[in-house]
Amino acid sequence: MESVSGFVLSLFLGVIGNLIIGFNGNKMAWQSRKFKNLEEFVRVQEEWTRWGLIVFIIYFSLSVIASLVSFYLIYKLTGTADRLFPN
């Protein structure tokens, strides 16, 4: 069960890293690539934003599903929820 918990934890930590990059992405993109004009930069960034949101929603959904599956497996294998919510 520890491997499932580690997997779920790594998914949530990955979200934090993605958010940090997301907040600094425009600045990093402007500095690292030469764009023809501001309109091209905005168009490219809008496309990245759209795909980033799609990937984030999928990633978050899979994280929630993995958490629920791990809780279910612990409950089924132990027959109790004590390991999920210790006193």
Protein backbone atom coordinates (compact mmCIF):
# COMPACT_ATOMS: atom_id res chain seq x y z
CA MET A 1 0.00 0.00 0.00
CA GLU A 2 2.91 2.37 0.59
CA SER A 3 3.71 2.34 -3.12
CA VAL A 4 0.17 3.47 -3.96
CA SER A 5 0.39 6.27 -1.39
CA GLY A 6 3.77 7.35 -2.78
CA PHE A 7 2.33 7.41 -6.28
CA VAL A 8 -0.59 9.60 -5.20
CA LEU A 9 1.77 11.94 -3.32
CA SER A 10 3.99 12.29 -6.39
CA LEU A 11 0.96 13.25 -8.50
CA PHE A 12 0.02 16.06 -6.11
CA LEU A 13 3.62 17.33 -5.84
CA GLY A 14 3.78 17.41 -9.63
CA VAL A 15 0.78 19.73 -9.67
CA ILE A 16 2.69 22.21 -7.48
CA GLY A 17 5.65 22.22 -9.89
CA ASN A 18 3.34 22.72 -12.84
CA LEU A 19 1.69 25.70 -11.15
CA ILE A 20 5.06 27.35 -10.49
CA ILE A 21 6.05 26.96 -14.13
CA GLY A 22 2.58 28.12 -15.20
CA PHE A 23 2.84 31.37 -13.27
CA ASN A 24 6.29 32.15 -14.73
CA GLY A 25 5.67 30.71 -18.19
CA ASN A 26 4.99 33.94 -20.09
CA LYS A 27 8.14 35.60 -18.83
CA MET A 28 10.23 32.51 -19.58
CA ALA A 29 8.74 32.18 -23.07
CA TRP A 30 9.29 35.84 -23.95
CA GLN A 31 12.93 35.68 -22.84
CA SER A 32 13.79 32.38 -24.47
CA ARG A 33 12.25 32.70 -27.95
CA LYS A 34 12.20 35.38 -30.59
CA PHE A 35 8.69 36.18 -31.72
CA LYS A 36 7.85 38.15 -34.85
CA ASN A 37 5.55 40.47 -32.93
CA LEU A 38 3.43 40.75 -29.81
CA GLU A 39 0.37 39.28 -31.57
CA GLU A 40 2.26 36.07 -32.37
CA PHE A 41 3.45 35.83 -28.77
CA VAL A 42 -0.10 36.26 -27.43
CA ARG A 43 -1.48 33.69 -29.90
CA VAL A 44 1.16 31.12 -28.93
CA GLN A 45 0.62 31.75 -25.22
CA GLU A 46 -3.16 31.36 -25.57
CA GLU A 47 -2.61 27.98 -27.21
CA TRP A 48 -0.24 26.93 -24.42
CA THR A 49 -2.77 28.11 -21.84
CA ARG A 50 -5.55 26.10 -23.45
CA TRP A 51 -3.47 22.90 -23.57
CA GLY A 52 -2.11 23.49 -20.08
CA LEU A 53 -5.62 23.69 -18.69
CA ILE A 54 -6.64 20.49 -20.49
CA VAL A 55 -3.60 18.63 -19.17
CA PHE A 56 -4.14 20.00 -15.65
CA ILE A 57 -7.77 18.84 -15.57
CA ILE A 58 -6.81 15.36 -16.77
CA TYR A 59 -3.89 15.18 -14.33
CA PHE A 60 -5.98 16.34 -11.37
CA SER A 61 -8.80 13.93 -12.26
CA LEU A 62 -6.37 11.02 -12.38
CA SER A 63 -4.96 12.07 -9.01
CA VAL A 64 -8.40 12.04 -7.43
CA ILE A 65 -9.22 8.67 -9.01
CA ALA A 66 -5.91 7.20 -7.78
CA SER A 67 -6.65 8.47 -4.26
CA LEU A 68 -10.12 6.99 -4.26
CA VAL A 69 -8.86 3.65 -5.58
CA SER A 70 -6.14 3.50 -2.92
CA PHE A 71 -8.68 4.27 -0.17
CA TYR A 72 -10.99 1.60 -1.55
CA LEU A 73 -8.19 -0.98 -1.70
CA ILE A 74 -7.11 -0.28 1.87
CA TYR A 75 -10.69 -0.62 3.03
CA LYS A 76 -11.25 -3.86 1.10
CA LEU A 77 -7.95 -5.45 2.17
CA THR A 78 -8.21 -4.55 5.84
CA GLY A 79 -11.98 -4.68 6.21
CA THR A 80 -11.93 -1.43 8.13
CA ALA A 81 -11.31 2.26 7.61
CA ASP A 82 -8.97 2.49 10.62
CA ARG A 83 -5.88 2.81 8.42
CA LEU A 84 -7.54 5.60 6.48
CA PHE A 85 -8.56 7.62 9.51
CA PRO A 86 -6.46 6.60 12.55
CA ASN A 87 -7.50 7.93 15.95
